[in-house]
Amino acid sequence: VLNGNAATGLNDEPDTLAGYRSPMHGRRPVVRGFPSRAAELDALV
């Protein structure tokens, strides 16, 4: 989501997430589209 853009650190230096990782694994995030707001809320329920 961050699109590879380096943030500006607290001393004006670039701050990247290089090496950022997790030792845990699980399900992939689910991204879903719905035809209307009502359908989206039904799916949320």
All heavy atoms as atom14 arrays in JSON, in Angstrom:
{
  "sequence": "VLNGNAATGLNDEPDTLAGYRSPMHGRRPVVRGFPSRAAELDALV",
  "atom14_mask": [
    [1, 1, 1, 1, 1, 1, 1, 0, 0, 0, 0, 0, 0, 0],
    [1, 1, 1, 1, 1, 1, 1, 1, 0, 0, 0, 0, 0, 0],
    [1, 1, 1, 1, 1, 1, 1, 1, 0, 0, 0, 0, 0, 0],
    [1, 1, 1, 1, 0, 0, 0, 0, 0, 0, 0, 0, 0, 0],
    [1, 1, 1, 1, 1, 1, 1, 1, 0, 0, 0, 0, 0, 0],
    [1, 1, 1, 1, 1, 0, 0, 0, 0, 0, 0, 0, 0, 0],
    [1, 1, 1, 1, 1, 0, 0, 0, 0, 0, 0, 0, 0, 0],
    [1, 1, 1, 1, 1, 1, 1, 0, 0, 0, 0, 0, 0, 0],
    [1, 1, 1, 1, 0, 0, 0, 0, 0, 0, 0, 0, 0, 0],
    [1, 1, 1, 1, 1, 1, 1, 1, 0, 0, 0, 0, 0, 0],
    [1, 1, 1, 1, 1, 1, 1, 1, 0, 0, 0, 0, 0, 0],
    [1, 1, 1, 1, 1, 1, 1, 1, 0, 0, 0, 0, 0, 0],
    [1, 1, 1, 1, 1, 1, 1, 1, 1, 0, 0, 0, 0, 0],
    [1, 1, 1, 1, 1, 1, 1, 0, 0, 0, 0, 0, 0, 0],
    [1, 1, 1, 1, 1, 1, 1, 1, 0, 0, 0, 0, 0, 0],
    [1, 1, 1, 1, 1, 1, 1, 0, 0, 0, 0, 0, 0, 0],
    [1, 1, 1, 1, 1, 1, 1, 1, 0, 0, 0, 0, 0, 0],
    [1, 1, 1, 1, 1, 0, 0, 0, 0, 0, 0, 0, 0, 0],
    [1, 1, 1, 1, 0, 0, 0, 0, 0, 0, 0, 0, 0, 0],
    [1, 1, 1, 1, 1, 1, 1, 1, 1, 1, 1, 1, 0, 0],
    [1, 1, 1, 1, 1, 1, 1, 1, 1, 1, 1, 0, 0, 0],
    [1, 1, 1, 1, 1, 1, 0, 0, 0, 0, 0, 0, 0, 0],
    [1, 1, 1, 1, 1, 1, 1, 0, 0, 0, 0, 0, 0, 0],
    [1, 1, 1, 1, 1, 1, 1, 1, 0, 0, 0, 0, 0, 0],
    [1, 1, 1, 1, 1, 1, 1, 1, 1, 1, 0, 0, 0, 0],
    [1, 1, 1, 1, 0, 0, 0, 0, 0, 0, 0, 0, 0, 0],
    [1, 1, 1, 1, 1, 1, 1, 1, 1, 1, 1, 0, 0, 0],
    [1, 1, 1, 1, 1, 1, 1, 1, 1, 1, 1, 0, 0, 0],
    [1, 1, 1, 1, 1, 1, 1, 0, 0, 0, 0, 0, 0, 0],
    [1, 1, 1, 1, 1, 1, 1, 0, 0, 0, 0, 0, 0, 0],
    [1, 1, 1, 1, 1, 1, 1, 0, 0, 0, 0, 0, 0, 0],
    [1, 1, 1, 1, 1, 1, 1, 1, 1, 1, 1, 0, 0, 0],
    [1, 1, 1, 1, 0, 0, 0, 0, 0, 0, 0, 0, 0, 0],
    [1, 1, 1, 1, 1, 1, 1, 1, 1, 1, 1, 0, 0, 0],
    [1, 1, 1, 1, 1, 1, 1, 0, 0, 0, 0, 0, 0, 0],
    [1, 1, 1, 1, 1, 1, 0, 0, 0, 0, 0, 0, 0, 0],
    [1, 1, 1, 1, 1, 1, 1, 1, 1, 1, 1, 0, 0, 0],
    [1, 1, 1, 1, 1, 0, 0, 0, 0, 0, 0, 0, 0, 0],
    [1, 1, 1, 1, 1, 0, 0, 0, 0, 0, 0, 0, 0, 0],
    [1, 1, 1, 1, 1, 1, 1, 1, 1, 0, 0, 0, 0, 0],
    [1, 1, 1, 1, 1, 1, 1, 1, 0, 0, 0, 0, 0, 0],
    [1, 1, 1, 1, 1, 1, 1, 1, 0, 0, 0, 0, 0, 0],
    [1, 1, 1, 1, 1, 0, 0, 0, 0, 0, 0, 0, 0, 0],
    [1, 1, 1, 1, 1, 1, 1, 1, 0, 0, 0, 0, 0, 0],
    [1, 1, 1, 1, 1, 1, 1, 0, 0, 0, 0, 0, 0, 0]
  ],
  "atom14_positions": [
    [[0.83, -1.21, 0.0], [0.0, 0.0, 0.0], [0.87, 1.26, 0.0], [0.5, 2.29, -0.58], [-0.94, -0.01, 1.22], [-1.58, 1.35, 1.44], [-2.02, -1.07, 1.05], [0.0, 0.0, 0.0], [0.0, 0.0, 0.0], [0.0, 0.0, 0.0], [0.0, 0.0, 0.0], [0.0, 0.0, 0.0], [0.0, 0.0, 0.0], [0.0, 0.0, 0.0]],
    [[2.04, 1.19, 0.63], [2.92, 2.35, 0.72], [3.6, 2.66, -0.61], [4.25, 3.71, -0.75], [3.96, 2.14, 1.81], [3.41, 1.98, 3.23], [4.53, 1.66, 4.21], [2.66, 3.23, 3.67], [0.0, 0.0, 0.0], [0.0, 0.0, 0.0], [0.0, 0.0, 0.0], [0.0, 0.0, 0.0], [0.0, 0.0, 0.0], [0.0, 0.0, 0.0]],
    [[3.51, 1.76, -1.55], [3.96, 2.0, -2.92], [5.47, 2.21, -3.03], [5.96, 2.86, -3.96], [3.24, 3.22, -3.51], [3.22, 3.21, -5.03], [3.17, 2.14, -5.63], [3.24, 4.37, -5.64], [0.0, 0.0, 0.0], [0.0, 0.0, 0.0], [0.0, 0.0, 0.0], [0.0, 0.0, 0.0], [0.0, 0.0, 0.0], [0.0, 0.0, 0.0]],
    [[6.21, 1.69, -2.07], [7.67, 1.78, -2.14], [8.25, 3.13, -1.81], [9.46, 3.34, -1.94], [0.0, 0.0, 0.0], [0.0, 0.0, 0.0], [0.0, 0.0, 0.0], [0.0, 0.0, 0.0], [0.0, 0.0, 0.0], [0.0, 0.0, 0.0], [0.0, 0.0, 0.0], [0.0, 0.0, 0.0], [0.0, 0.0, 0.0], [0.0, 0.0, 0.0]],
    [[7.42, 4.08, -1.4], [7.92, 5.42, -1.08], [8.59, 5.43, 0.29], [8.02, 4.97, 1.27], [6.78, 6.44, -1.09], [6.13, 6.56, -2.45], [6.8, 6.44, -3.47], [4.83, 6.78, -2.49], [0.0, 0.0, 0.0], [0.0, 0.0, 0.0], [0.0, 0.0, 0.0], [0.0, 0.0, 0.0], [0.0, 0.0, 0.0], [0.0, 0.0, 0.0]],
    [[9.82, 5.94, 0.34], [10.53, 6.03, 1.61], [9.98, 7.2, 2.43], [9.81, 8.3, 1.92], [12.03, 6.22, 1.37], [0.0, 0.0, 0.0], [0.0, 0.0, 0.0], [0.0, 0.0, 0.0], [0.0, 0.0, 0.0], [0.0, 0.0, 0.0], [0.0, 0.0, 0.0], [0.0, 0.0, 0.0], [0.0, 0.0, 0.0], [0.0, 0.0, 0.0]],
    [[9.68, 6.95, 3.69], [9.22, 8.01, 4.57], [10.4, 8.89, 4.99], [11.56, 8.49, 4.87], [8.55, 7.41, 5.81], [0.0, 0.0, 0.0], [0.0, 0.0, 0.0], [0.0, 0.0, 0.0], [0.0, 0.0, 0.0], [0.0, 0.0, 0.0], [0.0, 0.0, 0.0], [0.0, 0.0, 0.0], [0.0, 0.0, 0.0], [0.0, 0.0, 0.0]],
    [[10.09, 10.08, 5.48], [11.12, 10.97, 6.0], [11.25, 10.73, 7.49], [10.28, 10.84, 8.24], [10.76, 12.45, 5.75], [10.6, 12.65, 4.34], [11.86, 13.36, 6.27], [0.0, 0.0, 0.0], [0.0, 0.0, 0.0], [0.0, 0.0, 0.0], [0.0, 0.0, 0.0], [0.0, 0.0, 0.0], [0.0, 0.0, 0.0], [0.0, 0.0, 0.0]],
    [[12.47, 10.39, 7.92], [12.69, 10.07, 9.32], [12.72, 11.29, 10.21], [12.49, 12.43, 9.78], [0.0, 0.0, 0.0], [0.0, 0.0, 0.0], [0.0, 0.0, 0.0], [0.0, 0.0, 0.0], [0.0, 0.0, 0.0], [0.0, 0.0, 0.0], [0.0, 0.0, 0.0], [0.0, 0.0, 0.0], [0.0, 0.0, 0.0], [0.0, 0.0, 0.0]],
    [[13.04, 11.08, 11.49], [12.99, 12.17, 12.46], [14.23, 13.05, 12.43], [14.37, 13.96, 13.25], [12.79, 11.61, 13.88], [11.32, 11.46, 14.3], [10.62, 10.42, 13.45], [11.19, 11.1, 15.77], [0.0, 0.0, 0.0], [0.0, 0.0, 0.0], [0.0, 0.0, 0.0], [0.0, 0.0, 0.0], [0.0, 0.0, 0.0], [0.0, 0.0, 0.0]],
    [[15.14, 12.77, 11.51], [16.27, 13.67, 11.28], [16.4, 13.98, 9.8], [17.51, 14.13, 9.27], [17.57, 13.09, 11.84], [17.8, 13.48, 13.28], [17.46, 14.59, 13.69], [18.37, 12.59, 14.06], [0.0, 0.0, 0.0], [0.0, 0.0, 0.0], [0.0, 0.0, 0.0], [0.0, 0.0, 0.0], [0.0, 0.0, 0.0], [0.0, 0.0, 0.0]],
    [[15.25, 14.03, 9.11], [15.17, 14.38, 7.69], [15.8, 13.35, 6.77], [15.98, 13.61, 5.59], [15.82, 15.75, 7.42], [14.99, 16.89, 7.99], [13.77, 16.73, 8.09], [15.58, 17.93, 8.34], [0.0, 0.0, 0.0], [0.0, 0.0, 0.0], [0.0, 0.0, 0.0], [0.0, 0.0, 0.0], [0.0, 0.0, 0.0], [0.0, 0.0, 0.0]],
    [[16.13, 12.17, 7.29], [16.74, 11.14, 6.46], [15.66, 10.18, 5.96], [14.62, 10.02, 6.6], [17.81, 10.38, 7.26], [17.27, 9.33, 8.23], [16.56, 9.87, 9.45], [16.54, 11.1, 9.63], [16.04, 9.06, 10.24], [0.0, 0.0, 0.0], [0.0, 0.0, 0.0], [0.0, 0.0, 0.0], [0.0, 0.0, 0.0], [0.0, 0.0, 0.0]],
    [[15.88, 9.52, 4.8], [14.89, 8.53, 4.34], [14.79, 7.37, 5.32], [15.79, 6.94, 5.9], [15.46, 8.06, 2.99], [16.44, 9.12, 2.59], [16.99, 9.68, 3.86], [0.0, 0.0, 0.0], [0.0, 0.0, 0.0], [0.0, 0.0, 0.0], [0.0, 0.0, 0.0], [0.0, 0.0, 0.0], [0.0, 0.0, 0.0], [0.0, 0.0, 0.0]],
    [[13.6, 6.88, 5.52], [13.36, 5.75, 6.4], [12.56, 4.71, 5.63], [11.4, 4.93, 5.31], [12.61, 6.18, 7.66], [12.54, 5.08, 8.7], [11.84, 4.07, 8.45], [13.16, 5.21, 9.76], [0.0, 0.0, 0.0], [0.0, 0.0, 0.0], [0.0, 0.0, 0.0], [0.0, 0.0, 0.0], [0.0, 0.0, 0.0], [0.0, 0.0, 0.0]],
    [[13.18, 3.6, 5.32], [12.52, 2.55, 4.55], [12.16, 1.38, 5.44], [12.57, 1.31, 6.61], [13.43, 2.04, 3.42], [14.51, 1.27, 3.99], [14.02, 3.21, 2.62], [0.0, 0.0, 0.0], [0.0, 0.0, 0.0], [0.0, 0.0, 0.0], [0.0, 0.0, 0.0], [0.0, 0.0, 0.0], [0.0, 0.0, 0.0], [0.0, 0.0, 0.0]],
    [[11.41, 0.46, 4.88], [11.05, -0.78, 5.59], [11.89, -1.95, 5.08], [11.44, -3.1, 5.12], [9.56, -1.07, 5.4], [8.62, -0.1, 6.14], [7.17, -0.38, 5.79], [8.82, -0.19, 7.65], [0.0, 0.0, 0.0], [0.0, 0.0, 0.0], [0.0, 0.0, 0.0], [0.0, 0.0, 0.0], [0.0, 0.0, 0.0], [0.0, 0.0, 0.0]],
    [[13.08, -1.67, 4.64], [13.99, -2.73, 4.18], [14.24, -3.72, 5.31], [14.55, -3.34, 6.43], [15.3, -2.11, 3.71], [0.0, 0.0, 0.0], [0.0, 0.0, 0.0], [0.0, 0.0, 0.0], [0.0, 0.0, 0.0], [0.0, 0.0, 0.0], [0.0, 0.0, 0.0], [0.0, 0.0, 0.0], [0.0, 0.0, 0.0], [0.0, 0.0, 0.0]],
    [[14.09, -5.0, 5.0], [14.31, -6.05, 6.0], [13.13, -6.31, 6.9], [13.17, -7.21, 7.75], [0.0, 0.0, 0.0], [0.0, 0.0, 0.0], [0.0, 0.0, 0.0], [0.0, 0.0, 0.0], [0.0, 0.0, 0.0], [0.0, 0.0, 0.0], [0.0, 0.0, 0.0], [0.0, 0.0, 0.0], [0.0, 0.0, 0.0], [0.0, 0.0, 0.0]],
    [[12.07, -5.53, 6.76], [10.86, -5.69, 7.59], [10.18, -7.0, 7.22], [9.86, -7.24, 6.06], [9.96, -4.49, 7.3], [8.67, -4.39, 8.08], [8.6, -4.73, 9.43], [7.53, -3.89, 7.47], [7.42, -4.59, 10.13], [6.34, -3.73, 8.16], [6.29, -4.08, 9.48], [5.12, -3.94, 10.18], [0.0, 0.0, 0.0], [0.0, 0.0, 0.0]],
    [[9.94, -7.85, 8.21], [9.38, -9.17, 7.91], [8.69, -9.73, 9.15], [8.81, -9.19, 10.25], [10.48, -10.14, 7.46], [11.5, -10.45, 8.54], [12.73, -11.14, 7.98], [13.63, -11.62, 9.02], [14.48, -10.86, 9.68], [14.56, -9.58, 9.43], [15.27, -11.38, 10.62], [0.0, 0.0, 0.0], [0.0, 0.0, 0.0], [0.0, 0.0, 0.0]],
    [[7.98, -10.84, 8.94], [7.31, -11.53, 10.03], [7.67, -13.01, 9.99], [7.72, -13.6, 8.91], [5.79, -11.37, 9.93], [5.14, -12.22, 10.86], [0.0, 0.0, 0.0], [0.0, 0.0, 0.0], [0.0, 0.0, 0.0], [0.0, 0.0, 0.0], [0.0, 0.0, 0.0], [0.0, 0.0, 0.0], [0.0, 0.0, 0.0], [0.0, 0.0, 0.0]],
    [[7.91, -13.62, 11.15], [8.18, -15.05, 11.18], [6.91, -15.9, 11.11], [6.97, -17.11, 11.02], [8.9, -15.24, 12.51], [8.31, -14.17, 13.39], [8.05, -13.0, 12.48], [0.0, 0.0, 0.0], [0.0, 0.0, 0.0], [0.0, 0.0, 0.0], [0.0, 0.0, 0.0], [0.0, 0.0, 0.0], [0.0, 0.0, 0.0], [0.0, 0.0, 0.0]],
    [[5.74, -15.23, 11.17], [4.47, -15.96, 11.21], [3.81, -15.95, 9.83], [3.96, -15.01, 9.05], [3.53, -15.32, 12.23], [4.1, -15.27, 13.64], [3.01, -14.45, 14.82], [3.09, -12.75, 14.23], [0.0, 0.0, 0.0], [0.0, 0.0, 0.0], [0.0, 0.0, 0.0], [0.0, 0.0, 0.0], [0.0, 0.0, 0.0], [0.0, 0.0, 0.0]],
    [[3.08, -17.02, 9.56], [2.39, -17.13, 8.29], [0.92, -17.5, 8.53], [0.57, -18.1, 9.54], [3.06, -18.17, 7.4], [4.4, -17.73, 6.88], [4.54, -16.97, 5.75], [5.65, -17.92, 7.38], [5.83, -16.71, 5.55], [6.52, -17.27, 6.53], [0.0, 0.0, 0.0], [0.0, 0.0, 0.0], [0.0, 0.0, 0.0], [0.0, 0.0, 0.0]],
    [[0.09, -17.11, 7.59], [-1.34, -17.39, 7.71], [-2.04, -17.11, 6.38], [-1.43, -17.16, 5.32], [0.0, 0.0, 0.0], [0.0, 0.0, 0.0], [0.0, 0.0, 0.0], [0.0, 0.0, 0.0], [0.0, 0.0, 0.0], [0.0, 0.0, 0.0], [0.0, 0.0, 0.0], [0.0, 0.0, 0.0], [0.0, 0.0, 0.0], [0.0, 0.0, 0.0]],
    [[-3.31, -16.79, 6.48], [-4.1, -16.57, 5.27], [-3.77, -15.23, 4.63], [-3.45, -14.26, 5.3], [-5.59, -16.59, 5.62], [-6.05, -17.91, 6.23], [-7.52, -17.82, 6.61], [-7.97, -19.01, 7.31], [-9.18, -19.16, 7.84], [-10.06, -18.17, 7.75], [-9.51, -20.28, 8.46], [0.0, 0.0, 0.0], [0.0, 0.0, 0.0], [0.0, 0.0, 0.0]],
    [[-3.9, -15.21, 3.31], [-3.71, -13.95, 2.6], [-4.9, -13.03, 2.85], [-6.03, -13.48, 3.02], [-3.57, -14.21, 1.1], [-2.28, -14.94, 0.73], [-2.16, -15.06, -0.78], [-0.91, -15.7, -1.16], [-0.53, -15.88, -2.41], [-1.31, -15.46, -3.4], [0.62, -16.47, -2.68], [0.0, 0.0, 0.0], [0.0, 0.0, 0.0], [0.0, 0.0, 0.0]],
    [[-4.67, -11.71, 2.83], [-5.79, -10.78, 2.97], [-6.8, -10.97, 1.84], [-6.44, -11.32, 0.71], [-5.11, -9.4, 2.87], [-3.7, -9.65, 3.3], [-3.36, -11.02, 2.81], [0.0, 0.0, 0.0], [0.0, 0.0, 0.0], [0.0, 0.0, 0.0], [0.0, 0.0, 0.0], [0.0, 0.0, 0.0], [0.0, 0.0, 0.0], [0.0, 0.0, 0.0]],
    [[-8.05, -10.74, 2.18], [-9.14, -10.85, 1.2], [-9.54, -9.45, 0.76], [-9.85, -8.6, 1.6], [-10.36, -11.58, 1.82], [-11.53, -11.57, 0.85], [-9.98, -13.01, 2.2], [0.0, 0.0, 0.0], [0.0, 0.0, 0.0], [0.0, 0.0, 0.0], [0.0, 0.0, 0.0], [0.0, 0.0, 0.0], [0.0, 0.0, 0.0], [0.0, 0.0, 0.0]],
    [[-9.53, -9.2, -0.54], [-9.96, -7.91, -1.1], [-11.18, -8.18, -1.97], [-11.11, -8.92, -2.94], [-8.84, -7.25, -1.92], [-9.31, -5.91, -2.48], [-7.58, -7.07, -1.08], [0.0, 0.0, 0.0], [0.0, 0.0, 0.0], [0.0, 0.0, 0.0], [0.0, 0.0, 0.0], [0.0, 0.0, 0.0], [0.0, 0.0, 0.0], [0.0, 0.0, 0.0]],
    [[-12.32, -7.57, -1.6], [-13.57, -7.86, -2.3], [-14.31, -6.58, -2.69], [-14.32, -5.61, -1.92], [-14.49, -8.71, -1.41], [-13.92, -10.07, -1.02], [-14.83, -10.78, -0.05], [-16.15, -11.04, -0.64], [-17.2, -11.48, 0.06], [-17.09, -11.66, 1.38], [-18.35, -11.71, -0.53], [0.0, 0.0, 0.0], [0.0, 0.0, 0.0], [0.0, 0.0, 0.0]],
    [[-14.92, -6.6, -3.89], [-15.73, -5.5, -4.35], [-17.2, -5.87, -4.34], [-17.56, -7.05, -4.52], [0.0, 0.0, 0.0], [0.0, 0.0, 0.0], [0.0, 0.0, 0.0], [0.0, 0.0, 0.0], [0.0, 0.0, 0.0], [0.0, 0.0, 0.0], [0.0, 0.0, 0.0], [0.0, 0.0, 0.0], [0.0, 0.0, 0.0], [0.0, 0.0, 0.0]],
    [[-18.07, -4.88, -4.15], [-19.52, -5.12, -4.06], [-20.27, -4.09, -4.9], [-19.83, -2.95, -5.04], [-19.97, -5.06, -2.6], [-19.25, -6.03, -1.71], [-18.09, -5.65, -1.03], [-19.69, -7.34, -1.6], [-17.41, -6.56, -0.24], [-19.01, -8.26, -0.8], [-17.87, -7.86, -0.13], [0.0, 0.0, 0.0], [0.0, 0.0, 0.0], [0.0, 0.0, 0.0]],
    [[-21.41, -4.49, -5.45], [-22.14, -3.6, -6.37], [-22.77, -2.39, -5.68], [-23.13, -1.43, -6.34], [-23.21, -4.51, -6.97], [-23.41, -5.6, -5.96], [-22.05, -5.82, -5.35], [0.0, 0.0, 0.0], [0.0, 0.0, 0.0], [0.0, 0.0, 0.0], [0.0, 0.0, 0.0], [0.0, 0.0, 0.0], [0.0, 0.0, 0.0], [0.0, 0.0, 0.0]],
    [[-22.94, -2.44, -4.37], [-23.59, -1.33, -3.66], [-23.1, -1.29, -2.23], [-22.52, -2.25, -1.71], [-25.11, -1.5, -3.67], [-25.48, -2.63, -2.91], [0.0, 0.0, 0.0], [0.0, 0.0, 0.0], [0.0, 0.0, 0.0], [0.0, 0.0, 0.0], [0.0, 0.0, 0.0], [0.0, 0.0, 0.0], [0.0, 0.0, 0.0], [0.0, 0.0, 0.0]],
    [[-23.38, -0.16, -1.55], [-23.02, -0.04, -0.15], [-23.79, -1.03, 0.7], [-23.25, -1.63, 1.64], [-23.3, 1.39, 0.33], [-22.81, 1.68, 1.73], [-21.29, 1.69, 1.8], [-20.74, 2.72, 0.93], [-19.51, 2.7, 0.43], [-18.71, 1.69, 0.72], [-19.07, 3.67, -0.35], [0.0, 0.0, 0.0], [0.0, 0.0, 0.0], [0.0, 0.0, 0.0]],
    [[-25.05, -1.25, 0.36], [-25.86, -2.21, 1.12], [-25.27, -3.61, 1.02], [-25.2, -4.34, 2.02], [-27.3, -2.2, 0.62], [0.0, 0.0, 0.0], [0.0, 0.0, 0.0], [0.0, 0.0, 0.0], [0.0, 0.0, 0.0], [0.0, 0.0, 0.0], [0.0, 0.0, 0.0], [0.0, 0.0, 0.0], [0.0, 0.0, 0.0], [0.0, 0.0, 0.0]],
    [[-24.83, -3.99, -0.19], [-24.24, -5.32, -0.37], [-22.93, -5.43, 0.42], [-22.61, -6.49, 0.97], [-23.99, -5.57, -1.85], [0.0, 0.0, 0.0], [0.0, 0.0, 0.0], [0.0, 0.0, 0.0], [0.0, 0.0, 0.0], [0.0, 0.0, 0.0], [0.0, 0.0, 0.0], [0.0, 0.0, 0.0], [0.0, 0.0, 0.0], [0.0, 0.0, 0.0]],
    [[-22.19, -4.34, 0.47], [-20.94, -4.35, 1.23], [-21.2, -4.54, 2.71], [-20.51, -5.32, 3.39], [-20.19, -3.03, 0.99], [-18.86, -2.95, 1.73], [-18.14, -1.63, 1.5], [-18.6, -0.84, 0.65], [-17.12, -1.39, 2.18], [0.0, 0.0, 0.0], [0.0, 0.0, 0.0], [0.0, 0.0, 0.0], [0.0, 0.0, 0.0], [0.0, 0.0, 0.0]],
    [[-22.21, -3.88, 3.23], [-22.54, -4.02, 4.65], [-23.07, -5.41, 4.96], [-22.78, -5.97, 6.02], [-23.55, -2.94, 5.06], [-23.01, -1.51, 5.04], [-24.14, -0.52, 5.29], [-21.9, -1.33, 6.07], [0.0, 0.0, 0.0], [0.0, 0.0, 0.0], [0.0, 0.0, 0.0], [0.0, 0.0, 0.0], [0.0, 0.0, 0.0], [0.0, 0.0, 0.0]],
    [[-23.87, -5.98, 4.04], [-24.34, -7.37, 4.24], [-23.15, -8.33, 4.3], [-23.12, -9.24, 5.14], [-25.27, -7.77, 3.09], [-26.63, -7.09, 3.16], [-26.98, -6.56, 4.24], [-27.33, -7.08, 2.13], [0.0, 0.0, 0.0], [0.0, 0.0, 0.0], [0.0, 0.0, 0.0], [0.0, 0.0, 0.0], [0.0, 0.0, 0.0], [0.0, 0.0, 0.0]],
    [[-22.19, -8.11, 3.41], [-21.0, -8.97, 3.4], [-20.18, -8.8, 4.68], [-19.59, -9.76, 5.19], [-20.14, -8.67, 2.18], [0.0, 0.0, 0.0], [0.0, 0.0, 0.0], [0.0, 0.0, 0.0], [0.0, 0.0, 0.0], [0.0, 0.0, 0.0], [0.0, 0.0, 0.0], [0.0, 0.0, 0.0], [0.0, 0.0, 0.0], [0.0, 0.0, 0.0]],
    [[-20.16, -7.57, 5.19], [-19.45, -7.32, 6.44], [-20.08, -8.12, 7.58], [-19.37, -8.76, 8.37], [-19.48, -5.83, 6.77], [-18.92, -5.44, 8.14], [-17.43, -5.73, 8.22], [-19.2, -3.97, 8.44], [0.0, 0.0, 0.0], [0.0, 0.0, 0.0], [0.0, 0.0, 0.0], [0.0, 0.0, 0.0], [0.0, 0.0, 0.0], [0.0, 0.0, 0.0]],
    [[-21.4, -8.1, 7.65], [-22.1, -8.87, 8.69], [-21.76, -10.35, 8.55], [-21.46, -11.04, 9.54], [-23.61, -8.64, 8.59], [-24.36, -9.61, 9.52], [-23.96, -7.2, 8.94], [0.0, 0.0, 0.0], [0.0, 0.0, 0.0], [0.0, 0.0, 0.0], [0.0, 0.0, 0.0], [0.0, 0.0, 0.0], [0.0, 0.0, 0.0], [0.0, 0.0, 0.0]]
  ]
}
